[in-house]
Amino acid sequence: MEQIGDITVSFALLENTMQDILALFLGGNRRIQQIVTAELSFKNLRILIISLSSEFNWDTPLKLELQKIMKYA
């Protein structure tokens, strides 16, 4: 039973981190991030991060690593 709790907490932390990443993409504006993501499923949140990461002029290895992590998630 404890393992289910660990999985639940880990998933919540992952989702929270994804919300933080989106807030960065949206200029650090938490309110806009909440509006944009209010009705998104985890899958669509992941897809949004992958799509937005393609639009930013990030260092390519960083962008590729983020996209790889999001596909794994």
PDB file of N, CA and C in Angstrom:
ATOM      1  N   MET A   1       0.824  -1.193   0.000  1.00  0.00           N
ATOM      2  CA  MET A   1       0.000   0.000   0.000  1.00  0.00           C
ATOM      3  C   MET A   1       0.870   1.260   0.000  1.00  0.00           C
ATOM      4  N   GLU A   2       1.991   1.198   0.686  1.00  0.00           N
ATOM      5  CA  GLU A   2       2.902   2.341   0.753  1.00  0.00           C
ATOM      6  C   GLU A   2       3.432   2.714  -0.635  1.00  0.00           C
ATOM      7  N   GLN A   3       3.591   1.715  -1.485  1.00  0.00           N
ATOM      8  CA  GLN A   3       4.107   1.966  -2.836  1.00  0.00           C
ATOM      9  C   GLN A   3       3.125   2.797  -3.657  1.00  0.00           C
ATOM     10  N   ILE A   4       1.845   2.591  -3.454  1.00  0.00           N
ATOM     11  CA  ILE A   4       0.838   3.394  -4.161  1.00  0.00           C
ATOM     12  C   ILE A   4       0.956   4.851  -3.735  1.00  0.00           C
ATOM     13  N   GLY A   5       1.181   5.084  -2.463  1.00  0.00           N
ATOM     14  CA  GLY A   5       1.371   6.444  -1.967  1.00  0.00           C
ATOM     15  C   GLY A   5       2.614   7.086  -2.574  1.00  0.00           C
ATOM     16  N   ASP A   6       3.693   6.303  -2.684  1.00  0.00           N
ATOM     17  CA  ASP A   6       4.926   6.811  -3.289  1.00  0.00           C
ATOM     18  C   ASP A   6       4.706   7.194  -4.748  1.00  0.00           C
ATOM     19  N   ILE A   7       3.973   6.356  -5.458  1.00  0.00           N
ATOM     20  CA  ILE A   7       3.684   6.635  -6.876  1.00  0.00           C
ATOM     21  C   ILE A   7       2.832   7.895  -6.992  1.00  0.00           C
ATOM     22  N   THR A   8       1.835   8.021  -6.138  1.00  0.00           N
ATOM     23  CA  THR A   8       0.947   9.183  -6.164  1.00  0.00           C
ATOM     24  C   THR A   8       1.721  10.470  -5.892  1.00  0.00           C
ATOM     25  N   VAL A   9       2.590  10.442  -4.892  1.00  0.00           N
ATOM     26  CA  VAL A   9       3.390  11.629  -4.561  1.00  0.00           C
ATOM     27  C   VAL A   9       4.345  11.952  -5.696  1.00  0.00           C
ATOM     28  N   SER A  10       4.992  10.934  -6.264  1.00  0.00           N
ATOM     29  CA  SER A  10       5.927  11.154  -7.372  1.00  0.00           C
ATOM     30  C   SER A  10       5.213  11.753  -8.583  1.00  0.00           C
ATOM     31  N   PHE A  11       4.025  11.252  -8.873  1.00  0.00           N
ATOM     32  CA  PHE A  11       3.263  11.772 -10.004  1.00  0.00           C
ATOM     33  C   PHE A  11       2.878  13.228  -9.765  1.00  0.00           C
ATOM     34  N   ALA A  12       2.454  13.545  -8.551  1.00  0.00           N
ATOM     35  CA  ALA A  12       2.087  14.926  -8.222  1.00  0.00           C
ATOM     36  C   ALA A  12       3.294  15.853  -8.351  1.00  0.00           C
ATOM     37  N   LEU A  13       4.464  15.395  -7.923  1.00  0.00           N
ATOM     38  CA  LEU A  13       5.682  16.199  -8.059  1.00  0.00           C
ATOM     39  C   LEU A  13       6.047  16.406  -9.521  1.00  0.00           C
ATOM     40  N   LEU A  14       5.900  15.361 -10.332  1.00  0.00           N
ATOM     41  CA  LEU A  14       6.172  15.478 -11.768  1.00  0.00           C
ATOM     42  C   LEU A  14       5.230  16.491 -12.409  1.00  0.00           C
ATOM     43  N   GLU A  15       3.951  16.385 -12.099  1.00  0.00           N
ATOM     44  CA  GLU A  15       2.972  17.311 -12.673  1.00  0.00           C
ATOM     45  C   GLU A  15       3.240  18.749 -12.225  1.00  0.00           C
ATOM     46  N   ASN A  16       3.613  18.928 -10.974  1.00  0.00           N
ATOM     47  CA  ASN A  16       3.943  20.257 -10.463  1.00  0.00           C
ATOM     48  C   ASN A  16       5.164  20.834 -11.180  1.00  0.00           C
ATOM     49  N   THR A  17       6.162  20.003 -11.412  1.00  0.00           N
ATOM     50  CA  THR A  17       7.349  20.447 -12.146  1.00  0.00           C
ATOM     51  C   THR A  17       6.984  20.838 -13.576  1.00  0.00           C
ATOM     52  N   MET A  18       6.093  20.081 -14.189  1.00  0.00           N
ATOM     53  CA  MET A  18       5.645  20.419 -15.537  1.00  0.00           C
ATOM     54  C   MET A  18       4.917  21.759 -15.544  1.00  0.00           C
ATOM     55  N   GLN A  19       4.130  22.022 -14.512  1.00  0.00           N
ATOM     56  CA  GLN A  19       3.445  23.313 -14.397  1.00  0.00           C
ATOM     57  C   GLN A  19       4.475  24.440 -14.267  1.00  0.00           C
ATOM     58  N   ASP A  20       5.535  24.194 -13.517  1.00  0.00           N
ATOM     59  CA  ASP A  20       6.612  25.189 -13.368  1.00  0.00           C
ATOM     60  C   ASP A  20       7.285  25.472 -14.710  1.00  0.00           C
ATOM     61  N   ILE A  21       7.530  24.431 -15.485  1.00  0.00           N
ATOM     62  CA  ILE A  21       8.145  24.594 -16.816  1.00  0.00           C
ATOM     63  C   ILE A  21       7.244  25.448 -17.694  1.00  0.00           C
ATOM     64  N   LEU A  22       5.955  25.170 -17.671  1.00  0.00           N
ATOM     65  CA  LEU A  22       5.019  25.964 -18.479  1.00  0.00           C
ATOM     66  C   LEU A  22       4.971  27.415 -18.021  1.00  0.00           C
ATOM     67  N   ALA A  23       5.050  27.635 -16.733  1.00  0.00           N
ATOM     68  CA  ALA A  23       5.066  29.015 -16.234  1.00  0.00           C
ATOM     69  C   ALA A  23       6.282  29.751 -16.785  1.00  0.00           C
ATOM     70  N   LEU A  24       7.419  29.074 -16.873  1.00  0.00           N
ATOM     71  CA  LEU A  24       8.612  29.696 -17.463  1.00  0.00           C
ATOM     72  C   LEU A  24       8.382  30.050 -18.933  1.00  0.00           C
ATOM     73  N   PHE A  25       7.759  29.130 -19.669  1.00  0.00           N
ATOM     74  CA  PHE A  25       7.463  29.402 -21.079  1.00  0.00           C
ATOM     75  C   PHE A  25       6.537  30.607 -21.229  1.00  0.00           C
ATOM     76  N   LEU A  26       5.680  30.807 -20.240  1.00  0.00           N
ATOM     77  CA  LEU A  26       4.696  31.889 -20.297  1.00  0.00           C
ATOM     78  C   LEU A  26       5.171  33.131 -19.546  1.00  0.00           C
ATOM     79  N   GLY A  27       6.471  33.318 -19.482  1.00  0.00           N
ATOM     80  CA  GLY A  27       7.044  34.517 -18.896  1.00  0.00           C
ATOM     81  C   GLY A  27       6.990  34.553 -17.375  1.00  0.00           C
ATOM     82  N   GLY A  28       6.869  33.396 -16.753  1.00  0.00           N
ATOM     83  CA  GLY A  28       6.836  33.344 -15.293  1.00  0.00           C
ATOM     84  C   GLY A  28       5.493  33.699 -14.697  1.00  0.00           C
ATOM     85  N   ASN A  29       4.485  33.868 -15.538  1.00  0.00           N
ATOM     86  CA  ASN A  29       3.162  34.281 -15.075  1.00  0.00           C
ATOM     87  C   ASN A  29       2.346  33.056 -14.659  1.00  0.00           C
ATOM     88  N   ARG A  30       2.269  32.819 -13.348  1.00  0.00           N
ATOM     89  CA  ARG A  30       1.552  31.660 -12.800  1.00  0.00           C
ATOM     90  C   ARG A  30       0.061  31.707 -13.129  1.00  0.00           C
ATOM     91  N   ARG A  31      -0.518  32.879 -13.079  1.00  0.00           N
ATOM     92  CA  ARG A  31      -1.963  33.008 -13.332  1.00  0.00           C
ATOM     93  C   ARG A  31      -2.291  32.588 -14.773  1.00  0.00           C
ATOM     94  N   ILE A  32      -1.511  33.049 -15.730  1.00  0.00           N
ATOM     95  CA  ILE A  32      -1.731  32.664 -17.130  1.00  0.00           C
ATOM     96  C   ILE A  32      -1.522  31.166 -17.288  1.00  0.00           C
ATOM     97  N   GLN A  33      -0.476  30.630 -16.648  1.00  0.00           N
ATOM     98  CA  GLN A  33      -0.203  29.196 -16.715  1.00  0.00           C
ATOM     99  C   GLN A  33      -1.406  28.406 -16.187  1.00  0.00           C
ATOM    100  N   GLN A  34      -2.002  28.852 -15.092  1.00  0.00           N
ATOM    101  CA  GLN A  34      -3.162  28.161 -14.538  1.00  0.00           C
ATOM    102  C   GLN A  34      -4.364  28.228 -15.476  1.00  0.00           C
ATOM    103  N   ILE A  35      -4.553  29.382 -16.112  1.00  0.00           N
ATOM    104  CA  ILE A  35      -5.666  29.529 -17.060  1.00  0.00           C
ATOM    105  C   ILE A  35      -5.473  28.605 -18.253  1.00  0.00           C
ATOM    106  N   VAL A  36      -4.258  28.582 -18.789  1.00  0.00           N
ATOM    107  CA  VAL A  36      -3.968  27.779 -19.984  1.00  0.00           C
ATOM    108  C   VAL A  36      -4.103  26.285 -19.699  1.00  0.00           C
ATOM    109  N   THR A  37      -3.728  25.854 -18.515  1.00  0.00           N
ATOM    110  CA  THR A  37      -3.648  24.418 -18.237  1.00  0.00           C
ATOM    111  C   THR A  37      -4.789  23.876 -17.388  1.00  0.00           C
ATOM    112  N   ALA A  38      -5.763  24.695 -17.046  1.00  0.00           N
ATOM    113  CA  ALA A  38      -6.818  24.286 -16.108  1.00  0.00           C
ATOM    114  C   ALA A  38      -7.516  22.987 -16.522  1.00  0.00           C
ATOM    115  N   GLU A  39      -7.803  22.820 -17.769  1.00  0.00           N
ATOM    116  CA  GLU A  39      -8.575  21.654 -18.216  1.00  0.00           C
ATOM    117  C   GLU A  39      -7.742  20.623 -18.979  1.00  0.00           C
ATOM    118  N   LEU A  40      -6.423  20.770 -18.937  1.00  0.00           N
ATOM    119  CA  LEU A  40      -5.582  19.847 -19.690  1.00  0.00           C
ATOM    120  C   LEU A  40      -5.350  18.540 -18.939  1.00  0.00           C
ATOM    121  N   SER A  41      -5.426  17.445 -19.668  1.00  0.00           N
ATOM    122  CA  SER A  41      -5.045  16.154 -19.101  1.00  0.00           C
ATOM    123  C   SER A  41      -3.520  16.113 -18.987  1.00  0.00           C
ATOM    124  N   PHE A  42      -3.003  15.130 -18.288  1.00  0.00           N
ATOM    125  CA  PHE A  42      -1.551  14.983 -18.168  1.00  0.00           C
ATOM    126  C   PHE A  42      -0.927  14.828 -19.555  1.00  0.00           C
ATOM    127  N   LYS A  43      -1.558  14.027 -20.404  1.00  0.00           N
ATOM    128  CA  LYS A  43      -1.051  13.803 -21.765  1.00  0.00           C
ATOM    129  C   LYS A  43      -0.971  15.110 -22.539  1.00  0.00           C
ATOM    130  N   ASN A  44      -2.007  15.915 -22.471  1.00  0.00           N
ATOM    131  CA  ASN A  44      -2.016  17.182 -23.214  1.00  0.00           C
ATOM    132  C   ASN A  44      -1.065  18.211 -22.616  1.00  0.00           C
ATOM    133  N   LEU A  45      -0.872  18.158 -21.302  1.00  0.00           N
ATOM    134  CA  LEU A  45       0.112  19.022 -20.643  1.00  0.00           C
ATOM    135  C   LEU A  45       1.513  18.691 -21.168  1.00  0.00           C
ATOM    136  N   ARG A  46       1.789  17.410 -21.274  1.00  0.00           N
ATOM    137  CA  ARG A  46       3.067  16.933 -21.796  1.00  0.00           C
ATOM    138  C   ARG A  46       3.265  17.376 -23.246  1.00  0.00           C
ATOM    139  N   ILE A  47       2.246  17.229 -24.059  1.00  0.00           N
ATOM    140  CA  ILE A  47       2.312  17.632 -25.471  1.00  0.00           C
ATOM    141  C   ILE A  47       2.527  19.138 -25.596  1.00  0.00           C
ATOM    142  N   LEU A  48       1.871  19.915 -24.750  1.00  0.00           N
ATOM    143  CA  LEU A  48       2.035  21.368 -24.770  1.00  0.00           C
ATOM    144  C   LEU A  48       3.476  21.755 -24.464  1.00  0.00           C
ATOM    145  N   ILE A  49       4.083  21.118 -23.489  1.00  0.00           N
ATOM    146  CA  ILE A  49       5.480  21.410 -23.151  1.00  0.00           C
ATOM    147  C   ILE A  49       6.391  21.069 -24.316  1.00  0.00           C
ATOM    148  N   ILE A  50       6.188  19.925 -24.941  1.00  0.00           N
ATOM    149  CA  ILE A  50       7.007  19.529 -26.091  1.00  0.00           C
ATOM    150  C   ILE A  50       6.840  20.541 -27.223  1.00  0.00           C
ATOM    151  N   SER A  51       5.613  20.943 -27.491  1.00  0.00           N
ATOM    152  CA  SER A  51       5.353  21.897 -28.572  1.00  0.00           C
ATOM    153  C   SER A  51       5.978  23.255 -28.288  1.00  0.00           C
ATOM    154  N   LEU A  52       5.805  23.759 -27.073  1.00  0.00           N
ATOM    155  CA  LEU A  52       6.369  25.061 -26.730  1.00  0.00           C
ATOM    156  C   LEU A  52       7.893  25.035 -26.719  1.00  0.00           C
ATOM    157  N   SER A  53       8.475  23.930 -26.320  1.00  0.00           N
ATOM    158  CA  SER A  53       9.936  23.856 -26.276  1.00  0.00           C
ATOM    159  C   SER A  53      10.532  23.984 -27.675  1.00  0.00           C
ATOM    160  N   SER A  54       9.783  23.593 -28.680  1.00  0.00           N
ATOM    161  CA  SER A  54      10.252  23.722 -30.061  1.00  0.00           C
ATOM    162  C   SER A  54      10.274  25.167 -30.527  1.00  0.00           C
ATOM    163  N   GLU A  55       9.497  26.024 -29.879  1.00  0.00           N
ATOM    164  CA  GLU A  55       9.374  27.416 -30.296  1.00  0.00           C
ATOM    165  C   GLU A  55      10.406  28.344 -29.670  1.00  0.00           C
ATOM    166  N   PHE A  56      11.093  27.875 -28.646  1.00  0.00           N
ATOM    167  CA  PHE A  56      12.038  28.722 -27.945  1.00  0.00           C
ATOM    168  C   PHE A  56      13.458  28.473 -28.428  1.00  0.00           C
ATOM    169  N   ASN A  57      14.261  29.518 -28.429  1.00  0.00           N
ATOM    170  CA  ASN A  57      15.635  29.457 -28.888  1.00  0.00           C
ATOM    171  C   ASN A  57      16.564  28.976 -27.773  1.00  0.00           C
ATOM    172  N   TRP A  58      16.315  27.805 -27.281  1.00  0.00           N
ATOM    173  CA  TRP A  58      17.129  27.234 -26.227  1.00  0.00           C
ATOM    174  C   TRP A  58      18.344  26.557 -26.818  1.00  0.00           C
ATOM    175  N   ASP A  59      19.316  26.347 -25.972  1.00  0.00           N
ATOM    176  CA  ASP A  59      20.458  25.523 -26.316  1.00  0.00           C
ATOM    177  C   ASP A  59      19.916  24.155 -26.749  1.00  0.00           C
ATOM    178  N   THR A  60      20.312  23.680 -27.904  1.00  0.00           N
ATOM    179  CA  THR A  60      19.740  22.459 -28.477  1.00  0.00           C
ATOM    180  C   THR A  60      19.819  21.244 -27.552  1.00  0.00           C
ATOM    181  N   PRO A  61      20.954  20.962 -26.894  1.00  0.00           N
ATOM    182  CA  PRO A  61      20.969  19.796 -26.002  1.00  0.00           C
ATOM    183  C   PRO A  61      19.938  19.893 -24.872  1.00  0.00           C
ATOM    184  N   LEU A  62      19.734  21.106 -24.342  1.00  0.00           N
ATOM    185  CA  LEU A  62      18.742  21.296 -23.290  1.00  0.00           C
ATOM    186  C   LEU A  62      17.338  21.030 -23.827  1.00  0.00           C
ATOM    187  N   LYS A  63      17.050  21.563 -24.994  1.00  0.00           N
ATOM    188  CA  LYS A  63      15.738  21.365 -25.615  1.00  0.00           C
ATOM    189  C   LYS A  63      15.499  19.880 -25.887  1.00  0.00           C
ATOM    190  N   LEU A  64      16.492  19.206 -26.425  1.00  0.00           N
ATOM    191  CA  LEU A  64      16.358  17.776 -26.723  1.00  0.00           C
ATOM    192  C   LEU A  64      16.171  16.959 -25.459  1.00  0.00           C
ATOM    193  N   GLU A  65      16.870  17.328 -24.408  1.00  0.00           N
ATOM    194  CA  GLU A  65      16.738  16.614 -23.125  1.00  0.00           C
ATOM    195  C   GLU A  65      15.329  16.789 -22.555  1.00  0.00           C
ATOM    196  N   LEU A  66      14.802  18.009 -22.609  1.00  0.00           N
ATOM    197  CA  LEU A  66      13.445  18.264 -22.114  1.00  0.00           C
ATOM    198  C   LEU A  66      12.435  17.455 -22.929  1.00  0.00           C
ATOM    199  N   GLN A  67      12.582  17.472 -24.240  1.00  0.00           N
ATOM    200  CA  GLN A  67      11.655  16.720 -25.080  1.00  0.00           C
ATOM    201  C   GLN A  67      11.743  15.218 -24.807  1.00  0.00           C
ATOM    202  N   LYS A  68      12.948  14.727 -24.581  1.00  0.00           N
ATOM    203  CA  LYS A  68      13.141  13.308 -24.270  1.00  0.00           C
ATOM    204  C   LYS A  68      12.469  12.952 -22.937  1.00  0.00           C
ATOM    205  N   ILE A  69      12.635  13.806 -21.943  1.00  0.00           N
ATOM    206  CA  ILE A  69      12.023  13.564 -20.641  1.00  0.00           C
ATOM    207  C   ILE A  69      10.509  13.579 -20.759  1.00  0.00           C
ATOM    208  N   MET A  70       9.966  14.516 -21.514  1.00  0.00           N
ATOM    209  CA  MET A  70       8.515  14.615 -21.658  1.00  0.00           C
ATOM    210  C   MET A  70       7.951  13.413 -22.418  1.00  0.00           C
ATOM    211  N   LYS A  71       8.678  12.902 -23.397  1.00  0.00           N
ATOM    212  CA  LYS A  71       8.201  11.704 -24.096  1.00  0.00           C
ATOM    213  C   LYS A  71       8.240  10.496 -23.171  1.00  0.00           C
ATOM    214  N   TYR A  72       9.230  10.452 -22.290  1.00  0.00           N
ATOM    215  CA  TYR A  72       9.342   9.365 -21.323  1.00  0.00           C
ATOM    216  C   TYR A  72       8.231   9.449 -20.272  1.00  0.00           C
ATOM    217  N   ALA A  73       7.870  10.673 -19.893  1.00  0.00           N
ATOM    218  CA  ALA A  73       6.835  10.881 -18.861  1.00  0.00           C
ATOM    219  C   ALA A  73       5.505  10.348 -19.368  1.00  0.00           C
TER     220      ALA A  73
END
